[in-house]
Amino acid sequence: MYWKTLLIKQNKHHRYGVLGHTLKVIFGAIKDKKYKFIVAGLLHDIGKPTVAFQKPEDIILGEYSFTDHEEVSYQMIKNWKFINNWTKNIVRYHYTIRDIEKCRRKGDKVVFETEIYQLPAPIFRSTNEYTISILSAHKELKEMDRQDKIRATYMHSVLRYLQSNYMTNTSLRERFGIDAKNTAMVSRIIKETLEENKISIYDESVGTRARTYVPSWSK
């Protein structure tokens, strides 16, 4: 199964095996002059053949399924010192990045309206055939746990980035509906999200008050 998925076939969503698909991604990056993505393209499916399996319907169709291959790929390379963190994050989140970009291109309102109505950030779960978006009812900030806040902060930074903008303390405060006098609360949430390596400071040379933030995979 490992060699077959690596060299010959995956499923209806991929024309080639993992190796052929990887070469196609690299060629696309070179063609589009997105040279920064070449190493990430080379490694983004490195763990995919190791998690290949067949569901009953796959056996009938002669296809394969893959579960959490992006996380497996990341775990394989996370301690490689010669690969920078940006590349590692692209590998780890390439499905999430793809799904959010699809929402932006299609004008999908789901992701954007979680911001407008201050809902907890959606959770994306991708399979070979579809993407599941898990939405939650409105929560006051005090009802959100640490991971809720970090996920919402990360998603806010992604949406700002895709709109050619940056996340700031003010933009996040407005996203959470926090009063202007409670900026310290926002700073704590940003600090926790930075510690989780979900976002990065765009320009570390500026003062704390003027700092802007981007998704960690964008630097």
C-alpha atoms as a PDB file:
ATOM      1  CA  MET A   1       0.000   0.000   0.000  1.00  0.00           C
ATOM      2  CA  TYR A   2       2.870   2.386   0.824  1.00  0.00           C
ATOM      3  CA  TRP A   3       4.592   2.004  -2.529  1.00  0.00           C
ATOM      4  CA  LYS A   4       1.372   1.946  -4.508  1.00  0.00           C
ATOM      5  CA  THR A   5       0.153   5.261  -3.083  1.00  0.00           C
ATOM      6  CA  LEU A   6       3.629   6.759  -3.357  1.00  0.00           C
ATOM      7  CA  LEU A   7       4.186   5.843  -6.990  1.00  0.00           C
ATOM      8  CA  ILE A   8       0.895   4.984  -8.683  1.00  0.00           C
ATOM      9  CA  LYS A   9      -2.471   6.010  -7.233  1.00  0.00           C
ATOM     10  CA  GLN A  10      -4.217   7.952  -4.480  1.00  0.00           C
ATOM     11  CA  ASN A  11      -7.889   8.697  -5.199  1.00  0.00           C
ATOM     12  CA  LYS A  12     -10.207  10.584  -7.523  1.00  0.00           C
ATOM     13  CA  HIS A  13      -8.990  13.910  -6.141  1.00  0.00           C
ATOM     14  CA  HIS A  14      -5.423  13.291  -7.279  1.00  0.00           C
ATOM     15  CA  ARG A  15      -4.413  12.282 -10.770  1.00  0.00           C
ATOM     16  CA  TYR A  16      -1.019  10.943  -9.693  1.00  0.00           C
ATOM     17  CA  GLY A  17       0.553   9.050  -6.824  1.00  0.00           C
ATOM     18  CA  VAL A  18       2.070  11.052  -3.969  1.00  0.00           C
ATOM     19  CA  LEU A  19       5.437  11.383  -5.714  1.00  0.00           C
ATOM     20  CA  GLY A  20       3.912  12.538  -9.004  1.00  0.00           C
ATOM     21  CA  HIS A  21       1.619  14.965  -7.171  1.00  0.00           C
ATOM     22  CA  THR A  22       4.588  16.359  -5.229  1.00  0.00           C
ATOM     23  CA  LEU A  23       6.577  16.938  -8.419  1.00  0.00           C
ATOM     24  CA  LYS A  24       3.537  18.676  -9.940  1.00  0.00           C
ATOM     25  CA  VAL A  25       3.278  20.997  -6.910  1.00  0.00           C
ATOM     26  CA  ILE A  26       6.981  21.850  -7.126  1.00  0.00           C
ATOM     27  CA  PHE A  27       6.697  22.514 -10.857  1.00  0.00           C
ATOM     28  CA  GLY A  28       3.723  24.799 -10.184  1.00  0.00           C
ATOM     29  CA  ALA A  29       5.684  26.755  -7.569  1.00  0.00           C
ATOM     30  CA  ILE A  30       8.582  27.235  -9.992  1.00  0.00           C
ATOM     31  CA  LYS A  31       6.254  28.182 -12.843  1.00  0.00           C
ATOM     32  CA  ASP A  32       4.498  30.779 -10.662  1.00  0.00           C
ATOM     33  CA  LYS A  33       7.872  31.996  -9.318  1.00  0.00           C
ATOM     34  CA  LYS A  34       6.793  31.149  -5.767  1.00  0.00           C
ATOM     35  CA  TYR A  35      10.220  29.817  -4.913  1.00  0.00           C
ATOM     36  CA  LYS A  36       9.655  30.137  -1.175  1.00  0.00           C
ATOM     37  CA  PHE A  37       7.121  27.292  -1.404  1.00  0.00           C
ATOM     38  CA  ILE A  38       9.392  24.758  -3.137  1.00  0.00           C
ATOM     39  CA  VAL A  39      10.672  23.044   0.021  1.00  0.00           C
ATOM     40  CA  ALA A  40       7.183  23.030   1.576  1.00  0.00           C
ATOM     41  CA  GLY A  41       5.830  21.562  -1.655  1.00  0.00           C
ATOM     42  CA  LEU A  42       8.465  18.846  -1.538  1.00  0.00           C
ATOM     43  CA  LEU A  43       7.623  17.900   2.062  1.00  0.00           C
ATOM     44  CA  HIS A  44       3.890  18.621   2.408  1.00  0.00           C
ATOM     45  CA  ASP A  45       2.812  15.005   1.736  1.00  0.00           C
ATOM     46  CA  ILE A  46       5.899  13.230   3.055  1.00  0.00           C
ATOM     47  CA  GLY A  47       3.846  11.325   5.633  1.00  0.00           C
ATOM     48  CA  LYS A  48       0.917  10.529   3.366  1.00  0.00           C
ATOM     49  CA  PRO A  49       1.853   6.998   2.225  1.00  0.00           C
ATOM     50  CA  THR A  50       2.422   5.977   5.861  1.00  0.00           C
ATOM     51  CA  VAL A  51      -1.234   6.629   6.785  1.00  0.00           C
ATOM     52  CA  ALA A  52      -2.839   5.199   3.633  1.00  0.00           C
ATOM     53  CA  PHE A  53      -5.766   2.848   4.199  1.00  0.00           C
ATOM     54  CA  GLN A  54      -8.817   1.627   2.341  1.00  0.00           C
ATOM     55  CA  LYS A  55     -12.417   2.071   3.401  1.00  0.00           C
ATOM     56  CA  PRO A  56     -14.898  -0.471   2.007  1.00  0.00           C
ATOM     57  CA  GLU A  57     -15.878   1.902  -0.808  1.00  0.00           C
ATOM     58  CA  ASP A  58     -12.183   2.523  -1.576  1.00  0.00           C
ATOM     59  CA  ILE A  59     -11.644  -1.189  -2.143  1.00  0.00           C
ATOM     60  CA  ILE A  60     -14.453  -1.236  -4.702  1.00  0.00           C
ATOM     61  CA  LEU A  61     -13.026   1.800  -6.506  1.00  0.00           C
ATOM     62  CA  GLY A  62      -9.389   0.836  -6.110  1.00  0.00           C
ATOM     63  CA  GLU A  63      -8.655   4.047  -4.224  1.00  0.00           C
ATOM     64  CA  TYR A  64      -7.061   5.047  -0.906  1.00  0.00           C
ATOM     65  CA  SER A  65      -7.890   7.338   2.004  1.00  0.00           C
ATOM     66  CA  PHE A  66      -5.536   9.286   4.252  1.00  0.00           C
ATOM     67  CA  THR A  67      -6.180  10.530   7.790  1.00  0.00           C
ATOM     68  CA  ASP A  68      -4.331  13.520   9.317  1.00  0.00           C
ATOM     69  CA  HIS A  69      -1.502  13.164   6.821  1.00  0.00           C
ATOM     70  CA  GLU A  70      -0.549  16.838   7.174  1.00  0.00           C
ATOM     71  CA  GLU A  71       0.020  16.439  10.937  1.00  0.00           C
ATOM     72  CA  VAL A  72       1.963  13.204  10.355  1.00  0.00           C
ATOM     73  CA  SER A  73       4.099  14.989   7.754  1.00  0.00           C
ATOM     74  CA  TYR A  74       4.772  17.810  10.213  1.00  0.00           C
ATOM     75  CA  GLN A  75       5.710  15.404  13.010  1.00  0.00           C
ATOM     76  CA  MET A  76       8.264  13.785  10.684  1.00  0.00           C
ATOM     77  CA  ILE A  77      10.061  17.064   9.964  1.00  0.00           C
ATOM     78  CA  LYS A  78       9.445  19.200  13.070  1.00  0.00           C
ATOM     79  CA  ASN A  79      12.908  18.503  14.542  1.00  0.00           C
ATOM     80  CA  TRP A  80      14.831  18.967  11.301  1.00  0.00           C
ATOM     81  CA  LYS A  81      17.062  21.936  12.097  1.00  0.00           C
ATOM     82  CA  PHE A  82      17.798  22.677   8.442  1.00  0.00           C
ATOM     83  CA  ILE A  83      14.087  23.376   7.724  1.00  0.00           C
ATOM     84  CA  ASN A  84      12.769  26.738   8.915  1.00  0.00           C
ATOM     85  CA  ASN A  85       9.588  27.128  10.964  1.00  0.00           C
ATOM     86  CA  TRP A  86       7.720  28.840   8.136  1.00  0.00           C
ATOM     87  CA  THR A  87       8.122  25.765   5.929  1.00  0.00           C
ATOM     88  CA  LYS A  88       7.150  23.447   8.792  1.00  0.00           C
ATOM     89  CA  ASN A  89       3.969  25.449   9.388  1.00  0.00           C
ATOM     90  CA  ILE A  90       3.028  25.387   5.707  1.00  0.00           C
ATOM     91  CA  VAL A  91       3.358  21.587   5.816  1.00  0.00           C
ATOM     92  CA  ARG A  92       1.321  21.339   9.025  1.00  0.00           C
ATOM     93  CA  TYR A  93      -1.493  23.678   7.980  1.00  0.00           C
ATOM     94  CA  HIS A  94      -1.624  23.280   4.210  1.00  0.00           C
ATOM     95  CA  TYR A  95      -5.170  21.870   4.295  1.00  0.00           C
ATOM     96  CA  THR A  96      -6.388  24.675   6.567  1.00  0.00           C
ATOM     97  CA  ILE A  97      -4.732  27.299   4.361  1.00  0.00           C
ATOM     98  CA  ARG A  98      -6.298  25.715   1.293  1.00  0.00           C
ATOM     99  CA  ASP A  99      -9.764  25.597   2.859  1.00  0.00           C
ATOM    100  CA  ILE A 100      -9.705  29.213   4.033  1.00  0.00           C
ATOM    101  CA  GLU A 101      -8.426  30.393   0.658  1.00  0.00           C
ATOM    102  CA  LYS A 102     -11.274  28.485  -1.017  1.00  0.00           C
ATOM    103  CA  CYS A 103     -13.738  30.292   1.256  1.00  0.00           C
ATOM    104  CA  ARG A 104     -12.225  33.635   0.314  1.00  0.00           C
ATOM    105  CA  ARG A 105     -12.295  32.947  -3.438  1.00  0.00           C
ATOM    106  CA  LYS A 106     -15.851  31.627  -3.371  1.00  0.00           C
ATOM    107  CA  GLY A 107     -17.107  34.431  -1.151  1.00  0.00           C
ATOM    108  CA  ASP A 108     -18.125  31.827   1.431  1.00  0.00           C
ATOM    109  CA  LYS A 109     -19.767  33.713   4.294  1.00  0.00           C
ATOM    110  CA  VAL A 110     -19.283  31.074   6.982  1.00  0.00           C
ATOM    111  CA  VAL A 111     -15.756  32.018   8.014  1.00  0.00           C
ATOM    112  CA  PHE A 112     -16.245  35.754   7.698  1.00  0.00           C
ATOM    113  CA  GLU A 113     -19.543  35.874   9.589  1.00  0.00           C
ATOM    114  CA  THR A 114     -18.005  34.149  12.596  1.00  0.00           C
ATOM    115  CA  GLU A 115     -15.993  37.353  12.855  1.00  0.00           C
ATOM    116  CA  ILE A 116     -18.918  39.698  12.291  1.00  0.00           C
ATOM    117  CA  TYR A 117     -21.107  38.001  14.907  1.00  0.00           C
ATOM    118  CA  GLN A 118     -18.184  37.259  17.240  1.00  0.00           C
ATOM    119  CA  LEU A 119     -18.740  33.513  17.185  1.00  0.00           C
ATOM    120  CA  PRO A 120     -16.046  31.023  18.206  1.00  0.00           C
ATOM    121  CA  ALA A 121     -13.781  30.278  15.248  1.00  0.00           C
ATOM    122  CA  PRO A 122     -14.909  27.288  13.159  1.00  0.00           C
ATOM    123  CA  ILE A 123     -13.022  24.015  13.347  1.00  0.00           C
ATOM    124  CA  PHE A 124     -12.054  22.551   9.974  1.00  0.00           C
ATOM    125  CA  ARG A 125     -11.699  18.812   9.458  1.00  0.00           C
ATOM    126  CA  SER A 126     -10.649  17.688   6.005  1.00  0.00           C
ATOM    127  CA  THR A 127     -11.095  14.310   4.361  1.00  0.00           C
ATOM    128  CA  ASN A 128     -10.272  13.198   0.847  1.00  0.00           C
ATOM    129  CA  GLU A 129     -13.780  14.004  -0.339  1.00  0.00           C
ATOM    130  CA  TYR A 130     -14.942  17.047   1.615  1.00  0.00           C
ATOM    131  CA  THR A 131     -14.212  19.556   4.357  1.00  0.00           C
ATOM    132  CA  ILE A 132     -16.302  19.662   7.515  1.00  0.00           C
ATOM    133  CA  SER A 133     -16.773  23.041   9.217  1.00  0.00           C
ATOM    134  CA  ILE A 134     -17.851  22.774  12.847  1.00  0.00           C
ATOM    135  CA  LEU A 135     -19.590  25.931  14.053  1.00  0.00           C
ATOM    136  CA  SER A 136     -20.445  26.871  17.616  1.00  0.00           C
ATOM    137  CA  ALA A 137     -23.080  29.137  19.075  1.00  0.00           C
ATOM    138  CA  HIS A 138     -22.117  32.565  20.366  1.00  0.00           C
ATOM    139  CA  LYS A 139     -19.951  32.558  23.479  1.00  0.00           C
ATOM    140  CA  GLU A 140     -18.969  35.460  25.658  1.00  0.00           C
ATOM    141  CA  LEU A 141     -15.216  35.825  25.908  1.00  0.00           C
ATOM    142  CA  LYS A 142     -15.319  34.656  29.518  1.00  0.00           C
ATOM    143  CA  GLU A 143     -16.966  31.405  28.335  1.00  0.00           C
ATOM    144  CA  MET A 144     -14.198  30.621  25.823  1.00  0.00           C
ATOM    145  CA  ASP A 145     -11.392  28.354  26.919  1.00  0.00           C
ATOM    146  CA  ARG A 146      -7.755  28.998  26.052  1.00  0.00           C
ATOM    147  CA  GLN A 147      -7.875  27.009  22.807  1.00  0.00           C
ATOM    148  CA  ASP A 148     -11.065  28.796  21.681  1.00  0.00           C
ATOM    149  CA  LYS A 149      -9.296  32.141  22.068  1.00  0.00           C
ATOM    150  CA  ILE A 150      -6.127  30.976  20.334  1.00  0.00           C
ATOM    151  CA  ARG A 151      -8.043  29.478  17.421  1.00  0.00           C
ATOM    152  CA  ALA A 152     -10.139  32.635  17.017  1.00  0.00           C
ATOM    153  CA  THR A 153      -7.009  34.803  17.132  1.00  0.00           C
ATOM    154  CA  TYR A 154      -5.265  32.663  14.546  1.00  0.00           C
ATOM    155  CA  MET A 155      -8.308  32.696  12.267  1.00  0.00           C
ATOM    156  CA  HIS A 156      -8.583  36.471  12.638  1.00  0.00           C
ATOM    157  CA  SER A 157      -4.953  36.873  11.589  1.00  0.00           C
ATOM    158  CA  VAL A 158      -5.521  34.629   8.558  1.00  0.00           C
ATOM    159  CA  LEU A 159      -8.582  36.537   7.401  1.00  0.00           C
ATOM    160  CA  ARG A 160      -6.766  39.867   7.791  1.00  0.00           C
ATOM    161  CA  TYR A 161      -3.781  38.488   5.889  1.00  0.00           C
ATOM    162  CA  LEU A 162      -5.939  37.232   3.014  1.00  0.00           C
ATOM    163  CA  GLN A 163      -7.412  40.729   2.806  1.00  0.00           C
ATOM    164  CA  SER A 164      -3.868  42.160   2.488  1.00  0.00           C
ATOM    165  CA  ASN A 165      -4.003  43.509   6.027  1.00  0.00           C
ATOM    166  CA  TYR A 166      -2.489  42.763   9.425  1.00  0.00           C
ATOM    167  CA  MET A 167      -3.891  41.819  12.791  1.00  0.00           C
ATOM    168  CA  THR A 168      -3.397  44.407  15.508  1.00  0.00           C
ATOM    169  CA  ASN A 169      -4.265  44.664  19.174  1.00  0.00           C
ATOM    170  CA  THR A 170      -7.140  46.956  18.162  1.00  0.00           C
ATOM    171  CA  SER A 171      -8.506  44.687  15.417  1.00  0.00           C
ATOM    172  CA  LEU A 172      -8.478  41.684  17.771  1.00  0.00           C
ATOM    173  CA  ARG A 173     -10.096  43.720  20.548  1.00  0.00           C
ATOM    174  CA  GLU A 174     -12.903  44.613  18.158  1.00  0.00           C
ATOM    175  CA  ARG A 175     -13.202  40.994  17.006  1.00  0.00           C
ATOM    176  CA  PHE A 176     -13.768  39.870  20.607  1.00  0.00           C
ATOM    177  CA  GLY A 177     -15.885  42.899  21.545  1.00  0.00           C
ATOM    178  CA  ILE A 178     -13.507  43.872  24.336  1.00  0.00           C
ATOM    179  CA  ASP A 179     -13.726  47.366  25.806  1.00  0.00           C
ATOM    180  CA  ALA A 180     -10.883  49.721  24.850  1.00  0.00           C
ATOM    181  CA  LYS A 181      -9.766  50.031  28.489  1.00  0.00           C
ATOM    182  CA  ASN A 182      -9.066  46.265  28.593  1.00  0.00           C
ATOM    183  CA  THR A 183      -6.278  46.126  26.005  1.00  0.00           C
ATOM    184  CA  ALA A 184      -4.135  44.158  28.475  1.00  0.00           C
ATOM    185  CA  MET A 185      -6.598  41.278  28.127  1.00  0.00           C
ATOM    186  CA  VAL A 186      -6.066  41.286  24.362  1.00  0.00           C
ATOM    187  CA  SER A 187      -2.301  41.414  24.833  1.00  0.00           C
ATOM    188  CA  ARG A 188      -2.463  38.243  26.959  1.00  0.00           C
ATOM    189  CA  ILE A 189      -4.433  36.426  24.256  1.00  0.00           C
ATOM    190  CA  ILE A 190      -1.926  37.524  21.599  1.00  0.00           C
ATOM    191  CA  LYS A 191       0.962  36.398  23.826  1.00  0.00           C
ATOM    192  CA  GLU A 192      -0.581  32.935  24.241  1.00  0.00           C
ATOM    193  CA  THR A 193      -1.173  32.639  20.484  1.00  0.00           C
ATOM    194  CA  LEU A 194       2.449  33.635  19.812  1.00  0.00           C
ATOM    195  CA  GLU A 195       3.619  30.986  22.289  1.00  0.00           C
ATOM    196  CA  GLU A 196       1.630  28.382  20.355  1.00  0.00           C
ATOM    197  CA  ASN A 197       3.433  29.502  17.166  1.00  0.00           C
ATOM    198  CA  LYS A 198       0.126  30.230  15.447  1.00  0.00           C
ATOM    199  CA  ILE A 199       0.987  33.848  14.656  1.00  0.00           C
ATOM    200  CA  SER A 200       4.174  35.886  14.266  1.00  0.00           C
ATOM    201  CA  ILE A 201       5.124  39.511  14.821  1.00  0.00           C
ATOM    202  CA  TYR A 202       5.350  41.081  11.373  1.00  0.00           C
ATOM    203  CA  ASP A 203       8.087  43.583  12.251  1.00  0.00           C
ATOM    204  CA  GLU A 204       9.897  43.071  15.555  1.00  0.00           C
ATOM    205  CA  SER A 205      11.795  46.341  15.220  1.00  0.00           C
ATOM    206  CA  VAL A 206       8.729  48.449  16.038  1.00  0.00           C
ATOM    207  CA  GLY A 207       7.457  49.211  19.513  1.00  0.00           C
ATOM    208  CA  THR A 208       4.925  47.004  21.275  1.00  0.00           C
ATOM    209  CA  ARG A 209       1.998  49.366  20.684  1.00  0.00           C
ATOM    210  CA  ALA A 210       2.664  49.567  16.946  1.00  0.00           C
ATOM    211  CA  ARG A 211       3.109  45.848  16.397  1.00  0.00           C
ATOM    212  CA  THR A 212       1.169  43.979  13.758  1.00  0.00           C
ATOM    213  CA  TYR A 213       0.744  40.224  13.450  1.00  0.00           C
ATOM    214  CA  VAL A 214       0.436  37.667  10.651  1.00  0.00           C
ATOM    215  CA  PRO A 215      -0.152  33.895  10.508  1.00  0.00           C
ATOM    216  CA  SER A 216       3.085  32.107  11.372  1.00  0.00           C
ATOM    217  CA  TRP A 217       3.122  30.299   8.009  1.00  0.00           C
ATOM    218  CA  SER A 218       3.155  33.602   6.095  1.00  0.00           C
ATOM    219  CA  LYS A 219       6.662  34.693   7.157  1.00  0.00           C
END
